[in-house]
Amino acid sequence: MATTLQELHRQMNEEGQTPFLTEMSIKQDAMIDGTSLLDHKGRYVDMLSMPETTLMRILQKNAGQSVGFVLRLPSSLAGSAAEADWVSLATERVKVKIDSAYSGGRFKFSVHVHFSASVVEKLSSLDLDDHHREAELACAKELRDKFEALITKLQRKKIDPVGFGIYARAYHYKPFKQVKDNWGEAFGQSDVKVRVSVAFADEGSVK
């Protein structure tokens, strides 16, 4: 997760991606707090929390295959309004596909993230044998909401640490060339659609 000087130099020269750095605080020990987000000129813009950083790494295809999530189950599915309707997932495989298009003077990106995951803990009375598919869809919706919130945050700040611009340059070079010096602005005006699917591999050692 650490950002080397070589990697930062690459990011500073990458027209299709804005730079980012590991954000740390030092008290008694060094602690990783998240990710600092920079603009193309290297100026600090905002930061991502650790959960947001995980989502960003997934979109970058740089998170590895094993990622943990604790997700809230809707009360309509869990059959209870209790605060403890949660499910803990450990991903076994993560696939990310990003398609791009350009029309009407705007870039358009379609993101599909698929998780194959095991349920490792369940704080709910929900019977996954009876409501397997419903639980998968509920988890997919919550994850989609998290990805959409992250992308909205990045677009509002007009930064692209994920590297959507790399796809724009690779497949739509002519329009990208016109905005390459201010890609963050162009990304902020882009249309980004996110689709998430979740498939439970098994319930693991559910508690």
N, C-alpha and C. Protein backbone atom coordinates (compact mmCIF):
# COMPACT_ATOMS: atom_id res chain seq x y z
N MET A 1 0.82 -1.21 0.00
CA MET A 1 0.00 0.00 0.00
C MET A 1 0.86 1.26 0.00
N ALA A 2 2.11 1.16 0.43
CA ALA A 2 2.99 2.31 0.46
C ALA A 2 3.27 2.80 -0.95
N THR A 3 3.42 4.13 -1.09
CA THR A 3 3.71 4.73 -2.39
C THR A 3 5.19 5.07 -2.45
N THR A 4 5.91 4.48 -3.38
CA THR A 4 7.33 4.76 -3.53
C THR A 4 7.52 6.06 -4.31
N LEU A 5 8.72 6.64 -4.22
CA LEU A 5 9.02 7.84 -4.98
C LEU A 5 8.93 7.57 -6.48
N GLN A 6 9.35 6.38 -6.88
CA GLN A 6 9.27 6.01 -8.29
C GLN A 6 7.81 5.98 -8.76
N GLU A 7 6.94 5.41 -7.92
CA GLU A 7 5.52 5.34 -8.27
C GLU A 7 4.90 6.74 -8.29
N LEU A 8 5.26 7.59 -7.33
CA LEU A 8 4.74 8.95 -7.31
C LEU A 8 5.18 9.72 -8.56
N HIS A 9 6.43 9.52 -8.95
CA HIS A 9 6.93 10.18 -10.17
C HIS A 9 6.14 9.73 -11.38
N ARG A 10 5.84 8.44 -11.44
CA ARG A 10 5.05 7.92 -12.56
C ARG A 10 3.67 8.55 -12.57
N GLN A 11 3.06 8.65 -11.38
CA GLN A 11 1.72 9.23 -11.29
C GLN A 11 1.72 10.70 -11.70
N MET A 12 2.75 11.44 -11.30
CA MET A 12 2.81 12.86 -11.62
C MET A 12 2.92 13.09 -13.13
N ASN A 13 3.43 12.10 -13.84
CA ASN A 13 3.59 12.23 -15.29
C ASN A 13 2.51 11.48 -16.06
N GLU A 14 1.55 10.91 -15.35
CA GLU A 14 0.47 10.17 -15.99
C GLU A 14 -0.72 11.10 -16.24
N GLU A 15 -1.00 11.36 -17.51
CA GLU A 15 -2.07 12.30 -17.85
C GLU A 15 -3.46 11.75 -17.51
N GLY A 16 -3.60 10.43 -17.49
CA GLY A 16 -4.91 9.83 -17.29
C GLY A 16 -5.22 9.44 -15.86
N GLN A 17 -4.43 9.92 -14.91
CA GLN A 17 -4.63 9.56 -13.51
C GLN A 17 -4.03 10.64 -12.63
N THR A 18 -4.73 11.00 -11.56
CA THR A 18 -4.17 11.98 -10.63
C THR A 18 -3.44 11.25 -9.50
N PRO A 19 -2.40 11.87 -8.93
CA PRO A 19 -1.56 11.19 -7.94
C PRO A 19 -2.25 10.96 -6.60
N PHE A 20 -1.73 9.99 -5.87
CA PHE A 20 -2.22 9.70 -4.52
C PHE A 20 -1.07 9.16 -3.69
N LEU A 21 -1.15 9.35 -2.38
CA LEU A 21 -0.11 8.93 -1.46
C LEU A 21 -0.74 8.28 -0.23
N THR A 22 -0.04 7.35 0.36
CA THR A 22 -0.47 6.80 1.64
C THR A 22 -0.42 7.90 2.70
N GLU A 23 -1.51 8.08 3.45
CA GLU A 23 -1.55 9.10 4.50
C GLU A 23 -1.31 8.42 5.84
N MET A 24 -0.35 8.96 6.58
CA MET A 24 0.04 8.36 7.84
C MET A 24 0.05 9.40 8.95
N SER A 25 -0.13 8.93 10.16
CA SER A 25 0.04 9.78 11.34
C SER A 25 1.01 9.08 12.28
N ILE A 26 1.78 9.85 12.98
CA ILE A 26 2.78 9.28 13.89
C ILE A 26 2.47 9.75 15.31
N LYS A 27 2.07 8.81 16.14
CA LYS A 27 1.85 9.10 17.55
C LYS A 27 2.93 8.31 18.30
N GLN A 28 2.57 7.21 18.91
CA GLN A 28 3.61 6.34 19.45
C GLN A 28 4.20 5.49 18.34
N ASP A 29 3.34 5.09 17.42
CA ASP A 29 3.78 4.31 16.27
C ASP A 29 3.19 4.94 15.01
N ALA A 30 3.79 4.61 13.88
CA ALA A 30 3.26 5.09 12.61
C ALA A 30 1.96 4.35 12.30
N MET A 31 0.94 5.10 11.96
CA MET A 31 -0.38 4.53 11.65
C MET A 31 -0.81 4.99 10.27
N ILE A 32 -1.30 4.05 9.46
CA ILE A 32 -1.84 4.40 8.15
C ILE A 32 -3.28 4.84 8.34
N ASP A 33 -3.59 6.06 7.92
CA ASP A 33 -4.93 6.62 8.10
C ASP A 33 -5.79 6.50 6.85
N GLY A 34 -5.16 6.36 5.70
CA GLY A 34 -5.91 6.30 4.45
C GLY A 34 -5.03 6.73 3.30
N THR A 35 -5.62 7.48 2.37
CA THR A 35 -4.90 7.89 1.16
C THR A 35 -5.08 9.38 0.93
N SER A 36 -3.98 10.08 0.73
CA SER A 36 -4.02 11.49 0.36
C SER A 36 -4.20 11.60 -1.15
N LEU A 37 -5.12 12.45 -1.57
CA LEU A 37 -5.41 12.63 -2.99
C LEU A 37 -4.86 13.97 -3.45
N LEU A 38 -4.12 13.95 -4.54
CA LEU A 38 -3.49 15.15 -5.08
C LEU A 38 -4.07 15.47 -6.45
N ASP A 39 -3.93 16.73 -6.88
CA ASP A 39 -4.30 17.06 -8.25
C ASP A 39 -3.08 16.89 -9.15
N HIS A 40 -3.22 17.22 -10.43
CA HIS A 40 -2.13 16.98 -11.38
C HIS A 40 -0.89 17.81 -11.06
N LYS A 41 -1.06 18.88 -10.28
CA LYS A 41 0.09 19.71 -9.93
C LYS A 41 0.70 19.30 -8.60
N GLY A 42 0.18 18.21 -8.03
CA GLY A 42 0.74 17.71 -6.78
C GLY A 42 0.20 18.38 -5.55
N ARG A 43 -0.89 19.14 -5.69
CA ARG A 43 -1.48 19.83 -4.54
C ARG A 43 -2.48 18.92 -3.82
N TYR A 44 -2.46 18.98 -2.50
CA TYR A 44 -3.39 18.17 -1.69
C TYR A 44 -4.82 18.63 -1.93
N VAL A 45 -5.71 17.66 -2.19
CA VAL A 45 -7.11 17.97 -2.46
C VAL A 45 -8.02 17.41 -1.37
N ASP A 46 -7.83 16.15 -1.03
CA ASP A 46 -8.71 15.49 -0.06
C ASP A 46 -8.05 14.20 0.39
N MET A 47 -8.74 13.43 1.21
CA MET A 47 -8.21 12.14 1.61
C MET A 47 -9.31 11.09 1.56
N LEU A 48 -8.90 9.83 1.45
CA LEU A 48 -9.81 8.71 1.52
C LEU A 48 -9.56 7.96 2.82
N SER A 49 -10.63 7.52 3.45
CA SER A 49 -10.52 6.68 4.64
C SER A 49 -9.98 5.31 4.22
N MET A 50 -9.69 4.47 5.18
CA MET A 50 -9.22 3.13 4.85
C MET A 50 -10.26 2.33 4.07
N PRO A 51 -11.55 2.34 4.47
CA PRO A 51 -12.54 1.63 3.65
C PRO A 51 -12.64 2.18 2.23
N GLU A 52 -12.58 3.50 2.09
CA GLU A 52 -12.61 4.10 0.75
C GLU A 52 -11.37 3.72 -0.05
N THR A 53 -10.23 3.65 0.63
CA THR A 53 -9.00 3.25 -0.04
C THR A 53 -9.11 1.84 -0.59
N THR A 54 -9.73 0.95 0.17
CA THR A 54 -9.94 -0.42 -0.31
C THR A 54 -10.77 -0.43 -1.58
N LEU A 55 -11.83 0.37 -1.62
CA LEU A 55 -12.67 0.46 -2.81
C LEU A 55 -11.88 1.00 -4.00
N MET A 56 -11.07 2.03 -3.75
CA MET A 56 -10.25 2.58 -4.82
C MET A 56 -9.28 1.54 -5.37
N ARG A 57 -8.64 0.80 -4.47
CA ARG A 57 -7.70 -0.24 -4.89
C ARG A 57 -8.39 -1.32 -5.71
N ILE A 58 -9.61 -1.64 -5.35
CA ILE A 58 -10.36 -2.63 -6.13
C ILE A 58 -10.58 -2.12 -7.55
N LEU A 59 -11.00 -0.86 -7.68
CA LEU A 59 -11.22 -0.29 -9.01
C LEU A 59 -9.93 -0.19 -9.81
N GLN A 60 -8.82 -0.02 -9.12
CA GLN A 60 -7.51 0.00 -9.78
C GLN A 60 -7.02 -1.40 -10.13
N LYS A 61 -7.77 -2.41 -9.71
CA LYS A 61 -7.37 -3.82 -9.87
C LYS A 61 -6.07 -4.08 -9.13
N ASN A 62 -5.97 -3.50 -7.96
CA ASN A 62 -4.73 -3.56 -7.19
C ASN A 62 -4.98 -3.92 -5.73
N ALA A 63 -6.11 -4.56 -5.44
CA ALA A 63 -6.45 -4.87 -4.05
C ALA A 63 -6.15 -6.31 -3.69
N GLY A 64 -5.77 -7.13 -4.68
CA GLY A 64 -5.61 -8.55 -4.41
C GLY A 64 -6.96 -9.24 -4.43
N GLN A 65 -6.96 -10.52 -4.21
CA GLN A 65 -8.20 -11.29 -4.28
C GLN A 65 -8.93 -11.38 -2.94
N SER A 66 -8.21 -11.24 -1.85
CA SER A 66 -8.82 -11.40 -0.53
C SER A 66 -9.07 -10.03 0.12
N VAL A 67 -10.34 -9.66 0.20
CA VAL A 67 -10.75 -8.40 0.80
C VAL A 67 -11.91 -8.68 1.75
N GLY A 68 -11.93 -8.03 2.89
CA GLY A 68 -13.00 -8.24 3.85
C GLY A 68 -13.99 -7.09 3.88
N PHE A 69 -15.27 -7.42 4.01
CA PHE A 69 -16.32 -6.41 4.12
C PHE A 69 -17.29 -6.81 5.23
N VAL A 70 -17.76 -5.82 5.96
CA VAL A 70 -18.86 -6.02 6.90
C VAL A 70 -20.01 -5.17 6.37
N LEU A 71 -21.12 -5.84 6.01
CA LEU A 71 -22.22 -5.17 5.33
C LEU A 71 -23.52 -5.29 6.11
N ARG A 72 -24.30 -4.25 6.06
CA ARG A 72 -25.60 -4.22 6.75
C ARG A 72 -26.65 -4.88 5.87
N LEU A 73 -27.44 -5.76 6.46
CA LEU A 73 -28.58 -6.35 5.76
C LEU A 73 -29.82 -5.50 6.01
N PRO A 74 -30.61 -5.22 4.99
CA PRO A 74 -31.82 -4.42 5.21
C PRO A 74 -32.79 -5.12 6.13
N SER A 75 -33.50 -4.35 6.94
CA SER A 75 -34.44 -4.94 7.90
C SER A 75 -35.55 -5.71 7.20
N SER A 76 -35.89 -5.29 5.98
CA SER A 76 -36.94 -5.99 5.23
C SER A 76 -36.53 -7.41 4.89
N LEU A 77 -35.23 -7.63 4.73
CA LEU A 77 -34.73 -8.97 4.43
C LEU A 77 -34.47 -9.75 5.71
N ALA A 78 -33.85 -9.09 6.68
CA ALA A 78 -33.49 -9.77 7.91
C ALA A 78 -34.69 -10.06 8.80
N GLY A 79 -35.80 -9.38 8.53
CA GLY A 79 -37.01 -9.62 9.32
C GLY A 79 -36.93 -9.02 10.70
N SER A 80 -36.05 -8.01 10.85
CA SER A 80 -35.86 -7.39 12.16
C SER A 80 -35.35 -5.99 11.97
N ALA A 81 -35.71 -5.10 12.88
CA ALA A 81 -35.21 -3.73 12.84
C ALA A 81 -34.01 -3.57 13.77
N ALA A 82 -33.47 -4.67 14.23
CA ALA A 82 -32.35 -4.62 15.17
C ALA A 82 -31.12 -4.02 14.50
N GLU A 83 -30.24 -3.46 15.32
CA GLU A 83 -29.04 -2.84 14.79
C GLU A 83 -27.99 -3.87 14.40
N ALA A 84 -28.18 -5.12 14.79
CA ALA A 84 -27.14 -6.13 14.60
C ALA A 84 -27.42 -7.07 13.43
N ASP A 85 -28.04 -6.55 12.36
CA ASP A 85 -28.26 -7.36 11.16
C ASP A 85 -27.12 -7.11 10.19
N TRP A 86 -26.04 -7.84 10.39
CA TRP A 86 -24.83 -7.63 9.60
C TRP A 86 -24.33 -8.96 9.07
N VAL A 87 -23.57 -8.88 7.99
CA VAL A 87 -22.91 -10.06 7.46
C VAL A 87 -21.47 -9.69 7.13
N SER A 88 -20.55 -10.58 7.45
CA SER A 88 -19.14 -10.36 7.18
C SER A 88 -18.70 -11.27 6.04
N LEU A 89 -18.11 -10.66 5.01
CA LEU A 89 -17.69 -11.40 3.82
C LEU A 89 -16.18 -11.36 3.67
N ALA A 90 -15.62 -12.46 3.20
CA ALA A 90 -14.21 -12.53 2.81
C ALA A 90 -14.19 -12.92 1.34
N THR A 91 -13.70 -12.03 0.49
CA THR A 91 -13.72 -12.32 -0.94
C THR A 91 -12.67 -13.36 -1.30
N GLU A 92 -13.02 -14.21 -2.23
CA GLU A 92 -12.09 -15.21 -2.74
C GLU A 92 -11.61 -14.85 -4.14
N ARG A 93 -12.44 -14.10 -4.84
CA ARG A 93 -12.06 -13.65 -6.18
C ARG A 93 -12.77 -12.33 -6.46
N VAL A 94 -12.03 -11.40 -7.04
CA VAL A 94 -12.59 -10.10 -7.41
C VAL A 94 -12.28 -9.84 -8.88
N LYS A 95 -13.31 -9.58 -9.65
CA LYS A 95 -13.12 -9.25 -11.07
C LYS A 95 -13.68 -7.86 -11.33
N VAL A 96 -12.89 -7.05 -12.00
CA VAL A 96 -13.31 -5.69 -12.33
C VAL A 96 -13.19 -5.48 -13.84
N LYS A 97 -14.25 -5.00 -14.44
CA LYS A 97 -14.25 -4.67 -15.86
C LYS A 97 -14.72 -3.24 -16.02
N ILE A 98 -13.95 -2.45 -16.75
CA ILE A 98 -14.30 -1.06 -17.00
C ILE A 98 -14.37 -0.83 -18.50
N ASP A 99 -15.54 -0.50 -19.00
CA ASP A 99 -15.73 -0.16 -20.41
C ASP A 99 -15.88 1.34 -20.53
N SER A 100 -15.44 1.88 -21.66
CA SER A 100 -15.50 3.32 -21.87
C SER A 100 -16.15 3.65 -23.20
N ALA A 101 -16.71 4.84 -23.28
CA ALA A 101 -17.32 5.34 -24.51
C ALA A 101 -17.19 6.86 -24.50
N TYR A 102 -17.43 7.45 -25.66
CA TYR A 102 -17.42 8.91 -25.75
C TYR A 102 -18.52 9.34 -26.69
N SER A 103 -19.42 10.17 -26.20
CA SER A 103 -20.50 10.69 -27.04
C SER A 103 -21.05 11.95 -26.40
N GLY A 104 -21.58 12.82 -27.23
CA GLY A 104 -22.17 14.06 -26.72
C GLY A 104 -21.19 14.94 -25.99
N GLY A 105 -19.91 14.82 -26.33
CA GLY A 105 -18.89 15.64 -25.68
C GLY A 105 -18.51 15.20 -24.29
N ARG A 106 -18.92 13.97 -23.90
CA ARG A 106 -18.60 13.49 -22.56
C ARG A 106 -18.10 12.05 -22.62
N PHE A 107 -17.21 11.75 -21.71
CA PHE A 107 -16.76 10.36 -21.55
C PHE A 107 -17.77 9.61 -20.70
N LYS A 108 -17.94 8.34 -21.02
CA LYS A 108 -18.87 7.50 -20.27
C LYS A 108 -18.15 6.21 -19.88
N PHE A 109 -18.30 5.83 -18.64
CA PHE A 109 -17.63 4.64 -18.13
C PHE A 109 -18.65 3.70 -17.50
N SER A 110 -18.53 2.44 -17.83
CA SER A 110 -19.38 1.40 -17.25
C SER A 110 -18.49 0.46 -16.45
N VAL A 111 -18.73 0.39 -15.15
CA VAL A 111 -17.90 -0.40 -14.25
C VAL A 111 -18.69 -1.60 -13.74
N HIS A 112 -18.12 -2.78 -13.89
CA HIS A 112 -18.75 -3.98 -13.32
C HIS A 112 -17.75 -4.64 -12.38
N VAL A 113 -18.13 -4.78 -11.13
CA VAL A 113 -17.30 -5.44 -10.13
C VAL A 113 -18.02 -6.70 -9.67
N HIS A 114 -17.35 -7.82 -9.79
CA HIS A 114 -17.94 -9.09 -9.34
C HIS A 114 -17.11 -9.66 -8.20
N PHE A 115 -17.80 -10.01 -7.12
CA PHE A 115 -17.15 -10.62 -5.96
C PHE A 115 -17.63 -12.05 -5.79
N SER A 116 -16.70 -12.96 -5.66
CA SER A 116 -17.00 -14.30 -5.17
C SER A 116 -16.51 -14.32 -3.73
N ALA A 117 -17.42 -14.57 -2.79
CA ALA A 117 -17.06 -14.38 -1.38
C ALA A 117 -17.66 -15.45 -0.49
N SER A 118 -16.99 -15.67 0.62
CA SER A 118 -17.50 -16.56 1.65
C SER A 118 -18.07 -15.73 2.79
N VAL A 119 -19.15 -16.21 3.37
CA VAL A 119 -19.72 -15.57 4.55
C VAL A 119 -18.99 -16.14 5.77
N VAL A 120 -18.26 -15.28 6.47
CA VAL A 120 -17.47 -15.76 7.60
C VAL A 120 -18.12 -15.45 8.94
N GLU A 121 -19.06 -14.51 8.94
CA GLU A 121 -19.77 -14.20 10.19
C GLU A 121 -21.12 -13.59 9.84
N LYS A 122 -22.12 -13.92 10.63
CA LYS A 122 -23.47 -13.42 10.36
C LYS A 122 -24.13 -13.04 11.68
N LEU A 123 -24.38 -11.75 11.85
CA LEU A 123 -25.09 -11.27 13.04
C LEU A 123 -26.52 -10.97 12.63
N SER A 124 -27.26 -12.03 12.36
CA SER A 124 -28.63 -11.90 11.88
C SER A 124 -29.32 -13.24 12.03
N SER A 125 -30.63 -13.19 12.15
CA SER A 125 -31.41 -14.43 12.20
C SER A 125 -31.73 -14.95 10.80
N LEU A 126 -31.27 -14.25 9.78
CA LEU A 126 -31.57 -14.63 8.40
C LEU A 126 -30.99 -16.00 8.08
N ASP A 127 -31.81 -16.86 7.50
CA ASP A 127 -31.38 -18.18 7.06
C ASP A 127 -30.87 -18.06 5.63
N LEU A 128 -29.56 -18.16 5.45
CA LEU A 128 -28.98 -18.00 4.13
C LEU A 128 -29.34 -19.13 3.18
N ASP A 129 -29.68 -20.29 3.72
CA ASP A 129 -30.11 -21.39 2.86
C ASP A 129 -31.43 -21.04 2.17
N ASP A 130 -32.31 -20.37 2.90
CA ASP A 130 -33.62 -20.02 2.35
C ASP A 130 -33.60 -18.70 1.58
N HIS A 131 -32.65 -17.83 1.92
CA HIS A 131 -32.62 -16.49 1.32
C HIS A 131 -31.24 -16.18 0.72
N HIS A 132 -30.68 -17.18 0.10
CA HIS A 132 -29.32 -17.08 -0.45
C HIS A 132 -29.23 -15.94 -1.47
N ARG A 133 -30.07 -15.98 -2.49
CA ARG A 133 -30.00 -14.99 -3.56
C ARG A 133 -30.36 -13.60 -3.07
N GLU A 134 -31.36 -13.50 -2.21
CA GLU A 134 -31.75 -12.20 -1.69
C GLU A 134 -30.61 -11.55 -0.92
N ALA A 135 -29.87 -12.35 -0.15
CA ALA A 135 -28.74 -11.82 0.61
C ALA A 135 -27.62 -11.38 -0.32
N GLU A 136 -27.37 -12.14 -1.39
CA GLU A 136 -26.36 -11.74 -2.37
C GLU A 136 -26.72 -10.39 -2.99
N LEU A 137 -27.98 -10.23 -3.37
CA LEU A 137 -28.42 -8.99 -3.99
C LEU A 137 -28.34 -7.82 -3.01
N ALA A 138 -28.66 -8.07 -1.74
CA ALA A 138 -28.58 -7.01 -0.73
C ALA A 138 -27.14 -6.56 -0.52
N CYS A 139 -26.22 -7.52 -0.48
CA CYS A 139 -24.80 -7.19 -0.33
C CYS A 139 -24.29 -6.43 -1.55
N ALA A 140 -24.72 -6.86 -2.74
CA ALA A 140 -24.30 -6.20 -3.97
C ALA A 140 -24.78 -4.75 -3.99
N LYS A 141 -26.02 -4.53 -3.54
CA LYS A 141 -26.55 -3.16 -3.53
C LYS A 141 -25.77 -2.27 -2.57
N GLU A 142 -25.45 -2.78 -1.39
CA GLU A 142 -24.70 -1.95 -0.44
C GLU A 142 -23.31 -1.63 -0.97
N LEU A 143 -22.67 -2.61 -1.59
CA LEU A 143 -21.35 -2.37 -2.16
C LEU A 143 -21.43 -1.39 -3.32
N ARG A 144 -22.45 -1.52 -4.15
CA ARG A 144 -22.63 -0.57 -5.25
C ARG A 144 -22.79 0.85 -4.71
N ASP A 145 -23.58 1.00 -3.66
CA ASP A 145 -23.76 2.33 -3.06
C ASP A 145 -22.43 2.90 -2.58
N LYS A 146 -21.58 2.05 -2.02
CA LYS A 146 -20.28 2.50 -1.53
C LYS A 146 -19.39 2.94 -2.69
N PHE A 147 -19.37 2.16 -3.78
CA PHE A 147 -18.58 2.54 -4.95
C PHE A 147 -19.10 3.84 -5.56
N GLU A 148 -20.41 3.97 -5.65
CA GLU A 148 -20.99 5.19 -6.23
C GLU A 148 -20.66 6.41 -5.39
N ALA A 149 -20.69 6.26 -4.07
CA ALA A 149 -20.36 7.38 -3.18
C ALA A 149 -18.90 7.79 -3.36
N LEU A 150 -18.02 6.81 -3.52
CA LEU A 150 -16.60 7.11 -3.75
C LEU A 150 -16.42 7.86 -5.05
N ILE A 151 -17.02 7.37 -6.13
CA ILE A 151 -16.84 8.00 -7.44
C ILE A 151 -17.43 9.40 -7.44
N THR A 152 -18.58 9.59 -6.80
CA THR A 152 -19.16 10.93 -6.69
C THR A 152 -18.22 11.88 -5.97
N LYS A 153 -17.60 11.40 -4.91
CA LYS A 153 -16.64 12.22 -4.16
C LYS A 153 -15.47 12.63 -5.05
N LEU A 154 -14.94 11.70 -5.82
CA LEU A 154 -13.81 12.00 -6.70
C LEU A 154 -14.21 12.98 -7.79
N GLN A 155 -15.39 12.79 -8.36
CA GLN A 155 -15.83 13.68 -9.44
C GLN A 155 -16.08 15.10 -8.92
N ARG A 156 -16.61 15.21 -7.72
CA ARG A 156 -16.83 16.54 -7.15
C ARG A 156 -15.51 17.28 -6.92
N LYS A 157 -14.49 16.51 -6.56
CA LYS A 157 -13.17 17.11 -6.33
C LYS A 157 -12.36 17.23 -7.62
N LYS A 158 -12.89 16.67 -8.73
CA LYS A 158 -12.25 16.73 -10.05
C LYS A 158 -10.86 16.09 -10.02
N ILE A 159 -10.82 14.89 -9.43
CA ILE A 159 -9.59 14.11 -9.40
C ILE A 159 -9.90 12.67 -9.80
N ASP A 160 -8.90 11.98 -10.30
CA ASP A 160 -9.11 10.62 -10.79
C ASP A 160 -7.95 9.71 -10.38
N PRO A 161 -7.86 9.35 -9.09
CA PRO A 161 -6.80 8.44 -8.67
C PRO A 161 -7.00 7.01 -9.18
N VAL A 162 -8.23 6.67 -9.56
CA VAL A 162 -8.49 5.32 -10.08
C VAL A 162 -7.79 5.11 -11.41
N GLY A 163 -7.80 6.13 -12.26
CA GLY A 163 -7.19 6.01 -13.58
C GLY A 163 -8.19 5.76 -14.70
N PHE A 164 -9.40 6.30 -14.57
CA PHE A 164 -10.37 6.19 -15.66
C PHE A 164 -9.81 6.83 -16.94
N GLY A 165 -9.00 7.85 -16.76
CA GLY A 165 -8.42 8.53 -17.91
C GLY A 165 -7.50 7.64 -18.73
N ILE A 166 -6.94 6.62 -18.12
CA ILE A 166 -6.08 5.69 -18.86
C ILE A 166 -6.92 4.91 -19.86
N TYR A 167 -8.15 4.55 -19.47
CA TYR A 167 -9.07 3.89 -20.40
C TYR A 167 -9.50 4.85 -21.49
N ALA A 168 -9.77 6.10 -21.12
CA ALA A 168 -10.18 7.10 -22.10
C ALA A 168 -9.10 7.31 -23.14
N ARG A 169 -7.86 7.38 -22.71
CA ARG A 169 -6.76 7.59 -23.65
C ARG A 169 -6.56 6.39 -24.55
N ALA A 170 -6.70 5.19 -23.99
CA ALA A 170 -6.44 3.97 -24.76
C ALA A 170 -7.48 3.76 -25.85
N TYR A 171 -8.73 4.11 -25.58
CA TYR A 171 -9.81 3.78 -26.52
C TYR A 171 -10.44 4.98 -27.22
N HIS A 172 -10.16 6.18 -26.71
CA HIS A 172 -10.77 7.38 -27.31
C HIS A 172 -9.72 8.49 -27.30
N TYR A 173 -8.61 8.22 -27.98
CA TYR A 173 -7.46 9.11 -27.86
C TYR A 173 -7.74 10.52 -28.38
N LYS A 174 -8.46 10.61 -29.49
CA LYS A 174 -8.69 11.93 -30.08
C LYS A 174 -9.40 12.88 -29.12
N PRO A 175 -10.56 12.49 -28.54
CA PRO A 175 -11.18 13.41 -27.57
C PRO A 175 -10.38 13.55 -26.28
N PHE A 176 -9.67 12.48 -25.89
CA PHE A 176 -8.86 12.58 -24.67
C PHE A 176 -7.74 13.59 -24.85
N LYS A 177 -7.15 13.62 -26.03
CA LYS A 177 -6.04 14.53 -26.29
C LYS A 177 -6.46 15.98 -26.06
N GLN A 178 -7.73 16.28 -26.31
CA GLN A 178 -8.21 17.65 -26.16
C GLN A 178 -8.34 18.06 -24.69
N VAL A 179 -8.44 17.08 -23.79
CA VAL A 179 -8.65 17.41 -22.37
C VAL A 179 -7.53 16.89 -21.48
N LYS A 180 -6.48 16.33 -22.08
CA LYS A 180 -5.45 15.65 -21.29
C LYS A 180 -4.76 16.56 -20.28
N ASP A 181 -4.69 17.85 -20.57
CA ASP A 181 -4.02 18.77 -19.64
C ASP A 181 -4.92 19.14 -18.46
N ASN A 182 -6.18 18.78 -18.55
CA ASN A 182 -7.10 19.06 -17.44
C ASN A 182 -8.08 17.89 -17.32
N TRP A 183 -7.50 16.68 -17.20
CA TRP A 183 -8.34 15.50 -17.18
C TRP A 183 -9.28 15.47 -15.97
N GLY A 184 -8.84 15.98 -14.85
CA GLY A 184 -9.70 15.98 -13.66
C GLY A 184 -11.02 16.67 -13.91
N GLU A 185 -10.98 17.79 -14.62
CA GLU A 185 -12.20 18.52 -14.96
C GLU A 185 -13.10 17.69 -15.86
N ALA A 186 -12.50 17.05 -16.87
CA ALA A 186 -13.26 16.22 -17.80
C ALA A 186 -13.87 15.01 -17.09
N PHE A 187 -13.10 14.42 -16.17
CA PHE A 187 -13.63 13.29 -15.43
C PHE A 187 -14.80 13.71 -14.56
N GLY A 188 -14.72 14.90 -13.98
CA GLY A 188 -15.81 15.39 -13.15
C GLY A 188 -17.12 15.52 -13.91
N GLN A 189 -17.04 15.66 -15.23
CA GLN A 189 -18.24 15.80 -16.06
C GLN A 189 -18.62 14.49 -16.74
N SER A 190 -17.88 13.43 -16.47
CA SER A 190 -18.13 12.14 -17.12
C SER A 190 -19.32 11.43 -16.48
N ASP A 191 -19.90 10.52 -17.24
CA ASP A 191 -20.96 9.65 -16.71
C ASP A 191 -20.32 8.33 -16.29
N VAL A 192 -20.51 7.94 -15.05
CA VAL A 192 -19.95 6.68 -14.56
C VAL A 192 -21.08 5.85 -13.97
N LYS A 193 -21.28 4.69 -14.53
CA LYS A 193 -22.30 3.76 -14.05
C LYS A 193 -21.61 2.56 -13.40
N VAL A 194 -22.11 2.13 -12.26
CA VAL A 194 -21.49 1.03 -11.52
C VAL A 194 -22.48 -0.11 -11.36
N ARG A 195 -22.02 -1.31 -11.65
CA ARG A 195 -22.82 -2.51 -11.41
C ARG A 195 -21.98 -3.46 -10.55
N VAL A 196 -22.57 -3.99 -9.50
CA VAL A 196 -21.86 -4.91 -8.60
C VAL A 196 -22.66 -6.20 -8.49
N SER A 197 -21.97 -7.31 -8.56
CA SER A 197 -22.60 -8.61 -8.34
C SER A 197 -21.81 -9.37 -7.28
N VAL A 198 -22.52 -10.13 -6.48
CA VAL A 198 -21.91 -10.90 -5.39
C VAL A 198 -22.41 -12.33 -5.48
N ALA A 199 -21.49 -13.27 -5.40
CA ALA A 199 -21.85 -14.69 -5.35
C ALA A 199 -21.20 -15.31 -4.13
N PHE A 200 -22.00 -15.90 -3.26
CA PHE A 200 -21.46 -16.55 -2.07
C PHE A 200 -20.86 -17.90 -2.47
N ALA A 201 -19.59 -18.07 -2.15
CA ALA A 201 -18.93 -19.35 -2.44
C ALA A 201 -19.44 -20.41 -1.47
N ASP A 202 -19.47 -20.06 -0.19
CA ASP A 202 -20.05 -20.91 0.85
C ASP A 202 -20.17 -20.05 2.09
N GLU A 203 -20.70 -20.61 3.14
CA GLU A 203 -20.88 -19.83 4.37
C GLU A 203 -19.67 -19.90 5.28
N GLY A 204 -18.62 -20.58 4.87
CA GLY A 204 -17.43 -20.66 5.69
C GLY A 204 -17.75 -21.13 7.09
N SER A 205 -17.03 -20.61 8.05
CA SER A 205 -17.31 -20.96 9.45
C SER A 205 -18.16 -19.85 10.05
N VAL A 206 -19.43 -19.83 9.66
CA VAL A 206 -20.32 -18.76 10.08
C VAL A 206 -20.61 -18.86 11.57
N LYS A 207 -20.56 -17.71 12.23
CA LYS A 207 -20.87 -17.65 13.66
C LYS A 207 -22.21 -16.96 13.85
